[in-house]
């Protein structure tokens, strides 16, 4: 595999970490290297300008500069206030939060103990060298005006220490699941399976309690893959499974696409997994480019929902957790997808996923919100509401789970805040039969944020909250909270 962006494409991009406006929520789509980022829209530019204006107005009254204000709880509230002004009342907000820090802080404190289980997180191993895939892009050093040299740039922002900082210290996440991805070229793996297991054990040892769970990435069709499954089961070294039916997610000529309902290939695996009692399988779906039919002509169907229903019906003991909610148009502005939804009630591939329980009579198919919520919530929150409403209506509120794909997008706290405040507009509720999402810590959001995943992993939320509230990471977080200069609104990736 070569670098994901060509040299010509790289010339069009800047580093999100150094060049993006450090808003509490992103004001343009940021690429993690797996797709070309879209330019900032006119609406996003209006949001950014309004956030700056609010930061200057309120920050001045509080004796804070713009950057200081935007890292505060009031700064987060100001960002959602600006988004409501531009996109309409999609986010629930008390406008006084932006102007009165005590109100914003009171809200933060009231929600800080909410049980949040992030079922999709990532970082890269220490020897990862493919800067073209991720951040920090060394090419950006040639264009920076800050006098940085290429020798000063590393991939440390996507490595272990920053993972701890952003996931656990810089957000309200309590439990996280560490994931990986397969590539036809093994050198591109973010983490090998043994590294995932080692990281999970290290973090749990640091905490003194159970903070992390880990995947074992399966590689169907590759030589010896089922024997490796047998070995990891024997060693007890995984909590769940991760799979990519499309094969290599970044190479249209991947050698190993496959189907979940391939009886000869996959059913022996399900049998082993069920016998071992490890029955959660997360499957990467969706995230194809707009020209997928021509750019991925031989394999794009493997990223769709075409093979989920039969496998779920044949294996009711397994839980099929569909990452990215099978959303096809995740890596471009969702305006066109929203227009299609408004006209037809359909969201490409995600609606197919949502229909599976009714079509196949199953209750073991789940949708994960990783990346699809992040990109839609910042680019067009009305589409984010449509997506969440579609998934809940079809799958049921008990089968939608929280994931953020962090640390690719920096701290997941902005995503947490966006979902806490999100409400499905009344006109959309009436037209499509969606139920309201309710308050930040109401039944619907509590289930999606963590209670659903807790059931999947046989975890008692109250016991977990009690344990994590006094563990080693909690003590680190308390010390971290006293060092506000360590907090930031950094994003990691590429912008136009």
Protein backbone atom coordinates (compact mmCIF):
# COMPACT_ATOMS: atom_id res chain seq x y z
CA UNK A 1 0.00 0.00 0.00
CA UNK A 2 1.15 3.52 -0.74
CA UNK A 3 0.27 6.67 1.16
CA UNK A 4 -3.46 7.30 1.09
CA UNK A 5 -3.16 10.80 -0.38
CA UNK A 6 -1.23 11.56 -3.55
CA UNK A 7 1.39 14.32 -3.52
CA UNK A 8 -1.00 16.55 -5.47
CA UNK A 9 -3.79 15.96 -2.96
CA UNK A 10 -1.48 16.70 -0.04
CA UNK A 11 -0.77 20.13 -1.51
CA UNK A 12 -4.46 20.96 -1.09
CA UNK A 13 -4.58 20.10 2.61
CA UNK A 14 -3.37 21.60 5.86
CA UNK A 15 -2.89 20.10 9.29
CA UNK A 16 -6.06 20.33 11.36
CA UNK A 17 -3.96 20.52 14.51
CA UNK A 18 -2.16 23.69 13.46
CA UNK A 19 -4.47 25.37 10.95
CA UNK A 20 -8.04 24.55 11.99
CA UNK A 21 -9.90 27.03 14.18
CA UNK A 22 -9.78 25.66 17.73
CA UNK A 23 -13.48 25.71 18.35
CA UNK A 24 -14.98 23.49 21.06
CA UNK A 25 -16.66 21.66 18.16
CA UNK A 26 -15.13 21.37 14.68
CA UNK A 27 -16.32 23.98 12.19
CA UNK A 28 -15.38 21.97 9.12
CA UNK A 29 -14.98 18.33 8.23
CA UNK A 30 -11.64 16.86 9.30
CA UNK A 31 -10.17 13.80 7.63
CA UNK A 32 -8.30 11.15 9.59
CA UNK A 33 -6.52 10.22 6.36
CA UNK A 34 -9.12 7.72 5.14
CA UNK A 35 -10.98 10.22 2.94
CA UNK A 36 -10.64 13.61 1.29
CA UNK A 37 -11.99 16.35 3.58
CA UNK A 38 -14.70 18.60 2.14
CA UNK A 39 -14.21 22.37 2.04
CA UNK A 40 -15.82 24.46 4.73
CA UNK A 41 -19.40 25.34 3.77
CA UNK A 42 -20.95 28.78 3.94
CA UNK A 43 -23.02 27.63 6.94
CA UNK A 44 -19.95 26.29 8.73
CA UNK A 45 -18.15 29.56 8.07
CA UNK A 46 -21.08 31.44 9.63
CA UNK A 47 -20.91 29.15 12.67
CA UNK A 48 -17.18 29.77 13.02
CA UNK A 49 -17.58 33.54 12.72
CA UNK A 50 -20.38 33.58 15.29
CA UNK A 51 -18.37 31.44 17.73
CA UNK A 52 -15.49 33.90 17.48
CA UNK A 53 -17.86 36.80 18.06
CA UNK A 54 -19.46 35.18 21.10
CA UNK A 55 -16.04 34.23 22.49
CA UNK A 56 -14.79 37.79 22.20
CA UNK A 57 -17.96 39.28 23.69
CA UNK A 58 -18.32 36.93 26.67
CA UNK A 59 -14.61 36.32 27.17
CA UNK A 60 -13.90 40.03 27.53
CA UNK A 61 -16.50 40.33 30.32
CA UNK A 62 -14.88 37.41 32.12
CA UNK A 63 -11.30 38.59 31.65
CA UNK A 64 -10.50 35.73 29.26
CA UNK A 65 -8.96 35.84 25.83
CA UNK A 66 -10.67 33.98 22.99
CA UNK A 67 -8.67 30.79 23.35
CA UNK A 68 -9.19 30.64 27.11
CA UNK A 69 -12.92 31.18 26.75
CA UNK A 70 -13.27 28.49 24.09
CA UNK A 71 -11.69 25.85 26.36
CA UNK A 72 -14.25 26.60 29.08
CA UNK A 73 -17.71 25.15 29.66
CA UNK A 74 -19.21 28.47 28.54
CA UNK A 75 -17.16 28.23 25.35
CA UNK A 76 -18.72 24.86 24.60
CA UNK A 77 -22.18 26.34 25.16
CA UNK A 78 -21.37 29.26 22.86
CA UNK A 79 -20.46 26.85 20.07
CA UNK A 80 -23.85 25.12 20.24
CA UNK A 81 -25.59 28.48 20.49
CA UNK A 82 -23.90 29.51 17.24
CA UNK A 83 -24.88 26.24 15.57
CA UNK A 84 -28.52 26.69 16.58
CA UNK A 85 -28.50 30.20 15.12
CA UNK A 86 -27.27 28.89 11.78
CA UNK A 87 -28.85 25.43 11.49
CA UNK A 88 -32.01 25.93 13.53
CA UNK A 89 -32.93 24.68 17.03
CA UNK A 90 -31.37 21.21 16.89
CA UNK A 91 -29.36 21.41 20.12
CA UNK A 92 -31.01 21.88 23.52
CA UNK A 93 -29.41 24.89 25.14
CA UNK A 94 -29.90 27.43 27.90
CA UNK A 95 -28.49 30.56 26.28
CA UNK A 96 -27.31 31.85 29.67
CA UNK A 97 -24.68 29.09 29.76
CA UNK A 98 -22.52 31.03 27.30
CA UNK A 99 -22.60 34.23 29.33
CA UNK A 100 -22.72 32.89 32.88
CA UNK A 101 -19.90 30.44 33.69
CA UNK A 102 -21.54 29.25 36.89
CA UNK A 103 -24.50 27.90 34.92
CA UNK A 104 -22.25 26.15 32.42
CA UNK A 105 -20.09 24.68 35.18
CA UNK A 106 -23.15 23.52 37.10
CA UNK A 107 -24.31 21.62 34.01
CA UNK A 108 -20.88 20.06 33.54
CA UNK A 109 -20.78 18.93 37.16
CA UNK A 110 -24.30 17.52 36.97
CA UNK A 111 -23.33 15.28 34.04
CA UNK A 112 -19.73 14.38 34.83
CA UNK A 113 -20.70 11.04 36.41
CA UNK A 114 -22.84 9.92 33.48
CA UNK A 115 -21.98 6.37 32.43
CA UNK A 116 -20.34 6.59 28.99
CA UNK A 117 -18.95 3.50 27.26
CA UNK A 118 -17.13 4.38 24.03
CA UNK A 119 -17.19 1.21 21.96
CA UNK A 120 -14.81 2.43 19.23
CA UNK A 121 -11.44 4.00 20.01
CA UNK A 122 -8.02 3.86 18.37
CA UNK A 123 -4.38 4.79 18.63
CA UNK A 124 -1.26 3.75 16.69
CA UNK A 125 1.71 1.79 17.96
CA UNK A 126 5.06 3.41 18.68
CA UNK A 127 6.71 2.16 15.49
CA UNK A 128 3.92 3.28 13.16
CA UNK A 129 5.58 5.17 10.32
CA UNK A 130 2.90 5.87 7.71
CA UNK A 131 2.41 9.61 8.19
CA UNK A 132 0.46 9.79 4.93
CA UNK A 133 -2.38 7.85 6.55
CA UNK A 134 -2.79 9.75 9.77
CA UNK A 135 -1.71 12.82 11.63
CA UNK A 136 0.69 14.55 12.31
CA UNK A 137 1.49 14.91 8.58
CA UNK A 138 5.16 15.63 8.18
CA UNK A 139 4.49 17.26 4.82
CA UNK A 140 2.78 20.12 6.68
CA UNK A 141 6.12 21.19 8.10
CA UNK A 142 7.07 22.49 4.68
CA UNK A 143 4.16 24.95 4.76
CA UNK A 144 3.93 25.99 8.42
CA UNK A 145 4.75 29.54 9.33
CA UNK A 146 5.68 28.78 12.93
CA UNK A 147 9.27 27.86 12.17
CA UNK A 148 8.82 24.18 12.97
CA UNK A 149 11.14 21.72 11.32
CA UNK A 150 10.26 18.26 10.07
CA UNK A 151 12.46 16.84 12.84
CA UNK A 152 10.14 18.38 15.45
CA UNK A 153 7.04 16.60 14.13
CA UNK A 154 6.02 13.16 15.31
CA UNK A 155 2.97 10.92 15.43
CA UNK A 156 2.82 11.22 19.21
CA UNK A 157 -0.64 12.79 19.13
CA UNK A 158 -2.05 9.48 17.92
CA UNK A 159 -0.11 7.32 20.33
CA UNK A 160 -0.62 5.84 23.75
CA UNK A 161 -0.01 8.77 26.09
CA UNK A 162 -2.25 11.16 24.20
CA UNK A 163 -4.90 8.45 23.97
CA UNK A 164 -5.04 8.32 27.78
CA UNK A 165 -5.15 12.10 27.96
CA UNK A 166 -7.90 12.66 25.42
CA UNK A 167 -10.14 9.67 26.13
CA UNK A 168 -10.08 9.60 29.91
CA UNK A 169 -8.71 12.93 31.16
CA UNK A 170 -10.19 15.28 28.58
CA UNK A 171 -13.66 13.73 28.35
CA UNK A 172 -16.41 12.16 30.44
CA UNK A 173 -15.75 8.70 28.98
CA UNK A 174 -15.69 6.05 31.71
CA UNK A 175 -15.08 2.84 29.75
CA UNK A 176 -13.56 2.41 26.29
CA UNK A 177 -13.09 -0.37 23.79
CA UNK A 178 -9.78 -0.38 21.89
CA UNK A 179 -10.03 -1.40 18.27
CA UNK A 180 -7.83 -2.01 15.26
CA UNK A 181 -8.07 -2.45 11.50
CA UNK A 182 -6.65 -4.97 9.03
CA UNK A 183 -4.69 -3.99 5.95
CA UNK A 184 -3.38 -6.14 3.14
CA UNK A 185 0.05 -4.71 4.02
CA UNK A 186 0.63 -5.63 7.72
CA UNK A 187 2.86 -2.61 8.27
CA UNK A 188 -0.24 -0.43 8.07
CA UNK A 189 -1.99 -2.02 11.03
CA UNK A 190 -2.53 0.65 13.72
CA UNK A 191 -2.06 -1.98 16.40
CA UNK A 192 -1.44 -5.69 16.07
CA UNK A 193 -3.77 -7.90 18.07
CA UNK A 194 -1.17 -8.58 20.75
CA UNK A 195 -0.55 -4.83 21.05
CA UNK A 196 -4.27 -4.21 21.58
CA UNK A 197 -4.28 -6.80 24.34
CA UNK A 198 -1.13 -5.34 25.90
CA UNK A 199 -2.53 -1.80 25.86
CA UNK A 200 -5.81 -2.91 27.45
CA UNK A 201 -3.94 -4.71 30.23
CA UNK A 202 -1.61 -1.73 30.79
CA UNK A 203 -4.45 0.78 31.08
CA UNK A 204 -6.43 -1.45 33.42
CA UNK A 205 -3.34 -1.97 35.56
CA UNK A 206 -2.78 1.79 35.68
CA UNK A 207 -6.40 2.34 36.69
CA UNK A 208 -6.58 -0.52 39.13
CA UNK A 209 -10.03 -1.28 37.72
CA UNK A 210 -11.66 -2.18 34.39
CA UNK A 211 -11.40 0.87 32.14
CA UNK A 212 -10.62 -0.85 28.84
CA UNK A 213 -11.89 -3.68 26.70
CA UNK A 214 -10.21 -4.87 23.53
CA UNK A 215 -10.99 -6.37 20.15
CA UNK A 216 -9.27 -9.19 18.33
CA UNK A 217 -9.27 -8.29 14.63
CA UNK A 218 -10.17 -11.30 12.48
CA UNK A 219 -8.95 -11.60 8.89
CA UNK A 220 -11.18 -14.05 6.99
CA UNK A 221 -9.71 -15.55 3.81
CA UNK A 222 -6.18 -14.86 4.96
CA UNK A 223 -3.99 -17.88 5.61
CA UNK A 224 -4.33 -19.36 9.09
CA UNK A 225 -6.91 -16.84 10.31
CA UNK A 226 -9.20 -19.40 11.95
CA UNK A 227 -6.28 -21.06 13.71
CA UNK A 228 -5.42 -17.66 15.23
CA UNK A 229 -9.00 -17.39 16.48
CA UNK A 230 -8.66 -20.79 18.13
CA UNK A 231 -5.42 -19.69 19.76
CA UNK A 232 -6.75 -16.41 21.16
CA UNK A 233 -9.80 -18.19 22.56
CA UNK A 234 -7.56 -20.72 24.28
CA UNK A 235 -5.49 -17.90 25.80
CA UNK A 236 -8.52 -15.83 26.82
CA UNK A 237 -6.94 -12.76 25.25
CA UNK A 238 -9.94 -10.95 23.77
CA UNK A 239 -13.20 -9.43 24.90
CA UNK A 240 -14.80 -9.26 21.46
CA UNK A 241 -14.11 -9.46 17.72
CA UNK A 242 -13.59 -6.85 14.99
CA UNK A 243 -14.02 -7.47 11.27
CA UNK A 244 -13.89 -5.67 7.93
CA UNK A 245 -16.03 -7.43 5.32
CA UNK A 246 -14.55 -5.13 2.70
CA UNK A 247 -11.04 -6.38 3.49
CA UNK A 248 -8.52 -3.55 3.46
CA UNK A 249 -10.63 -0.41 4.12
CA UNK A 250 -8.30 1.88 2.18
CA UNK A 251 -7.47 -0.16 -0.92
CA UNK A 252 -10.04 -0.67 -3.69
CA UNK A 253 -7.99 -3.59 -5.00
CA UNK A 254 -8.02 -5.38 -1.64
CA UNK A 255 -7.50 -9.12 -1.91
CA UNK A 256 -9.77 -10.22 0.92
CA UNK A 257 -13.43 -9.06 0.73
CA UNK A 258 -15.94 -11.50 2.17
CA UNK A 259 -19.52 -11.88 3.44
CA UNK A 260 -20.90 -12.30 6.94
CA UNK A 261 -23.35 -14.92 5.65
CA UNK A 262 -20.75 -17.04 3.85
CA UNK A 263 -21.62 -20.36 5.46
CA UNK A 264 -18.42 -22.14 4.52
CA UNK A 265 -16.10 -19.30 5.54
CA UNK A 266 -17.79 -17.70 8.56
CA UNK A 267 -20.10 -20.19 10.22
CA UNK A 268 -17.22 -22.23 11.69
CA UNK A 269 -15.99 -18.97 13.26
CA UNK A 270 -19.40 -18.19 14.77
CA UNK A 271 -19.52 -21.69 16.19
CA UNK A 272 -16.14 -21.23 17.87
CA UNK A 273 -17.09 -17.79 19.19
CA UNK A 274 -20.41 -18.97 20.62
CA UNK A 275 -18.81 -22.01 22.24
CA UNK A 276 -16.23 -19.70 23.86
CA UNK A 277 -18.88 -17.23 25.03
CA UNK A 278 -17.29 -14.34 23.10
CA UNK A 279 -20.27 -13.30 21.04
CA UNK A 280 -19.81 -9.59 20.23
CA UNK A 281 -18.65 -9.01 16.66
CA UNK A 282 -18.08 -5.40 15.49
CA UNK A 283 -18.14 -5.02 11.72
CA UNK A 284 -16.90 -2.02 9.77
CA UNK A 285 -19.55 -1.01 7.21
CA UNK A 286 -20.27 2.03 5.09
CA UNK A 287 -17.85 4.94 4.61
CA UNK A 288 -17.56 4.65 0.84
CA UNK A 289 -16.77 7.67 -1.38
CA UNK A 290 -19.52 9.23 -3.49
CA UNK A 291 -18.17 7.57 -6.65
CA UNK A 292 -17.98 4.16 -4.97
CA UNK A 293 -19.56 2.31 -7.91
CA UNK A 294 -16.67 3.27 -10.19
CA UNK A 295 -13.80 3.76 -7.73
CA UNK A 296 -14.53 0.53 -5.80
CA UNK A 297 -16.33 -1.45 -8.54
CA UNK A 298 -15.55 -4.97 -7.37
CA UNK A 299 -15.85 -4.62 -3.61
CA UNK A 300 -18.15 -1.75 -2.59
CA UNK A 301 -21.11 -4.07 -1.92
CA UNK A 302 -19.10 -5.62 0.90
CA UNK A 303 -19.40 -2.29 2.77
CA UNK A 304 -23.20 -2.33 2.50
CA UNK A 305 -25.83 -4.09 4.62
CA UNK A 306 -26.42 -6.90 2.10
CA UNK A 307 -24.99 -9.75 4.19
CA UNK A 308 -26.09 -8.85 7.74
CA UNK A 309 -29.65 -10.13 7.98
CA UNK A 310 -29.14 -13.80 7.11
CA UNK A 311 -26.06 -14.13 9.32
CA UNK A 312 -27.93 -12.54 12.25
CA UNK A 313 -30.93 -14.83 11.73
CA UNK A 314 -28.78 -17.95 11.46
CA UNK A 315 -26.71 -17.02 14.53
CA UNK A 316 -29.02 -15.45 17.13
CA UNK A 317 -26.38 -16.15 19.79
CA UNK A 318 -24.03 -13.61 18.15
CA UNK A 319 -24.32 -9.84 18.45
CA UNK A 320 -23.61 -8.07 15.15
CA UNK A 321 -22.49 -4.50 16.01
CA UNK A 322 -22.34 -2.49 12.80
CA UNK A 323 -19.70 0.22 13.05
CA UNK A 324 -20.47 3.62 11.49
CA UNK A 325 -24.15 2.54 11.33
CA UNK A 326 -23.46 1.33 7.77
CA UNK A 327 -23.74 4.97 6.61
CA UNK A 328 -22.47 5.32 3.06
CA UNK A 329 -22.10 9.13 2.73
CA UNK A 330 -20.03 9.71 5.85
CA UNK A 331 -17.08 11.44 4.24
CA UNK A 332 -18.63 14.28 2.38
CA UNK A 333 -20.97 17.05 3.42
CA UNK A 334 -24.30 15.46 4.36
CA UNK A 335 -26.42 18.13 2.65
CA UNK A 336 -27.25 15.92 -0.34
CA UNK A 337 -28.00 12.96 1.92
CA UNK A 338 -30.27 15.15 4.05
CA UNK A 339 -32.14 16.36 0.96
CA UNK A 340 -32.64 12.74 -0.09
CA UNK A 341 -33.89 11.88 3.36
CA UNK A 342 -36.30 14.82 3.46
CA UNK A 343 -37.73 13.73 0.09
CA UNK A 344 -37.81 9.94 0.56
CA UNK A 345 -37.21 9.11 4.22
CA UNK A 346 -34.18 7.07 3.15
CA UNK A 347 -30.53 7.27 4.23
CA UNK A 348 -28.29 5.21 1.98
CA UNK A 349 -27.38 1.86 3.60
CA UNK A 350 -28.20 3.09 7.12
CA UNK A 351 -31.92 2.68 6.37
CA UNK A 352 -31.19 -0.84 5.07
CA UNK A 353 -29.53 -1.60 8.39
CA UNK A 354 -32.46 -0.16 10.34
CA UNK A 355 -34.94 -2.39 8.49
CA UNK A 356 -33.15 -5.65 9.31
CA UNK A 357 -35.00 -6.45 12.59
CA UNK A 358 -38.41 -6.18 10.91
CA UNK A 359 -37.31 -7.90 7.70
CA UNK A 360 -35.51 -10.83 9.32
CA UNK A 361 -37.19 -11.04 12.72
CA UNK A 362 -33.94 -10.60 14.66
CA UNK A 363 -32.92 -8.60 17.73
CA UNK A 364 -29.14 -9.11 17.65
CA UNK A 365 -28.13 -6.34 15.22
CA UNK A 366 -26.76 -3.06 16.62
CA UNK A 367 -25.68 0.29 15.15
CA UNK A 368 -22.57 2.12 16.38
CA UNK A 369 -22.37 5.92 15.93
CA UNK A 370 -18.59 6.19 15.43
CA UNK A 371 -17.54 8.80 12.82
CA UNK A 372 -20.99 9.02 11.21
CA UNK A 373 -22.28 11.12 14.12
CA UNK A 374 -19.08 13.16 14.40
CA UNK A 375 -19.12 14.30 10.79
CA UNK A 376 -22.84 14.90 10.53
CA UNK A 377 -23.20 16.68 13.89
CA UNK A 378 -20.65 19.30 12.87
CA UNK A 379 -21.53 19.64 9.18
CA UNK A 380 -25.33 19.45 9.35
CA UNK A 381 -26.85 18.59 12.75
CA UNK A 382 -30.29 18.13 11.19
CA UNK A 383 -28.89 15.16 9.30
CA UNK A 384 -27.38 13.82 12.54
CA UNK A 385 -30.87 13.96 14.03
CA UNK A 386 -32.31 12.16 10.99
CA UNK A 387 -29.69 9.43 11.24
CA UNK A 388 -30.18 8.83 14.96
CA UNK A 389 -33.95 8.88 14.56
CA UNK A 390 -33.81 6.35 11.72
CA UNK A 391 -31.62 3.97 13.70
CA UNK A 392 -33.73 4.14 16.86
CA UNK A 393 -37.00 3.71 14.98
CA UNK A 394 -35.76 0.64 13.09
CA UNK A 395 -33.40 -1.10 15.49
CA UNK A 396 -34.92 0.07 18.76
CA UNK A 397 -33.33 2.30 21.37
CA UNK A 398 -31.74 -0.75 23.04
CA UNK A 399 -29.65 -1.52 19.98
CA UNK A 400 -27.89 1.77 19.21
CA UNK A 401 -24.49 2.19 20.88
CA UNK A 402 -22.04 5.02 21.44
CA UNK A 403 -18.71 5.17 19.63
CA UNK A 404 -16.54 8.11 18.60
CA UNK A 405 -13.58 6.77 16.58
CA UNK A 406 -11.33 8.81 18.86
CA UNK A 407 -8.47 9.57 19.18
CA UNK A 408 -8.61 10.37 15.45
CA UNK A 409 -10.78 13.40 16.22
CA UNK A 410 -9.05 14.54 19.39
CA UNK A 411 -10.96 14.41 22.64
CA UNK A 412 -14.43 12.86 22.25
CA UNK A 413 -15.91 15.42 24.65
CA UNK A 414 -17.29 17.63 21.87
CA UNK A 415 -19.12 14.61 20.45
CA UNK A 416 -20.45 13.76 23.89
CA UNK A 417 -21.72 17.31 24.33
CA UNK A 418 -23.28 17.34 20.85
CA UNK A 419 -25.22 14.17 21.56
CA UNK A 420 -26.25 15.32 25.03
CA UNK A 421 -27.80 18.42 23.50
CA UNK A 422 -29.17 16.92 20.27
CA UNK A 423 -32.92 16.78 19.76
CA UNK A 424 -34.83 15.63 16.71
CA UNK A 425 -36.71 18.65 15.33
CA UNK A 426 -40.48 18.52 15.85
CA UNK A 427 -41.29 18.61 12.14
CA UNK A 428 -39.02 15.60 11.58
CA UNK A 429 -40.61 13.74 14.48
CA UNK A 430 -44.09 14.28 13.05
CA UNK A 431 -43.22 13.47 9.43
CA UNK A 432 -41.17 10.34 10.08
CA UNK A 433 -42.64 9.02 13.32
CA UNK A 434 -39.48 9.60 15.36
CA UNK A 435 -39.63 9.79 19.13
CA UNK A 436 -37.83 12.65 20.91
CA UNK A 437 -34.37 11.94 22.30
CA UNK A 438 -35.03 13.76 25.54
CA UNK A 439 -32.71 15.22 28.13
CA UNK A 440 -28.95 14.79 28.28
CA UNK A 441 -29.22 12.14 30.99
CA UNK A 442 -32.65 10.79 30.13
CA UNK A 443 -33.48 7.18 29.33
CA UNK A 444 -32.77 7.31 25.59
CA UNK A 445 -29.37 8.96 25.79
CA UNK A 446 -28.26 6.99 28.84
CA UNK A 447 -28.98 3.77 26.98
CA UNK A 448 -27.05 4.85 23.89
CA UNK A 449 -24.18 6.41 25.82
CA UNK A 450 -23.43 3.29 27.80
CA UNK A 451 -26.19 1.10 29.17
CA UNK A 452 -26.61 -0.83 25.92
CA UNK A 453 -22.90 -1.61 25.64
CA UNK A 454 -22.80 -2.49 29.34
CA UNK A 455 -25.33 -5.26 28.65
CA UNK A 456 -23.33 -6.48 25.68
CA UNK A 457 -20.23 -6.81 27.86
CA UNK A 458 -22.01 -8.05 31.01
CA UNK A 459 -20.96 -4.96 32.91
CA UNK A 460 -22.88 -3.50 35.86
CA UNK A 461 -22.91 0.30 35.22
CA UNK A 462 -23.35 1.40 38.84
CA UNK A 463 -20.52 -0.80 40.04
CA UNK A 464 -18.34 0.44 37.18
CA UNK A 465 -19.07 4.07 38.04
CA UNK A 466 -18.22 3.49 41.69
CA UNK A 467 -14.95 1.80 40.74
CA UNK A 468 -13.85 4.31 38.11
CA UNK A 469 -14.72 7.23 40.39
CA UNK A 470 -11.89 6.37 42.77
CA UNK A 471 -9.39 4.54 40.58
CA UNK A 472 -5.93 5.57 39.38
CA UNK A 473 -7.18 7.27 36.23
CA UNK A 474 -9.74 9.23 38.24
CA UNK A 475 -6.94 10.55 40.43
CA UNK A 476 -4.99 11.54 37.32
CA UNK A 477 -8.05 13.34 36.01
CA UNK A 478 -8.46 15.31 39.22
CA UNK A 479 -4.86 16.49 39.00
CA UNK A 480 -5.30 17.22 35.29
CA UNK A 481 -8.35 19.40 35.98
CA UNK A 482 -6.13 21.70 38.02
CA UNK A 483 -3.90 22.35 34.99
CA UNK A 484 -6.22 24.10 32.51
CA UNK A 485 -3.38 24.98 30.15
CA UNK A 486 -3.14 21.28 29.30
CA UNK A 487 -6.66 21.31 27.92
CA UNK A 488 -7.17 22.21 24.28
CA UNK A 489 -9.49 21.91 21.32
CA UNK A 490 -7.00 20.14 19.08
CA UNK A 491 -8.11 18.04 16.12
CA UNK A 492 -5.86 15.53 14.41
CA UNK A 493 -6.05 15.14 10.66
CA UNK A 494 -6.42 17.13 7.47
CA UNK A 495 -8.53 20.10 6.34
CA UNK A 496 -8.87 21.76 2.97
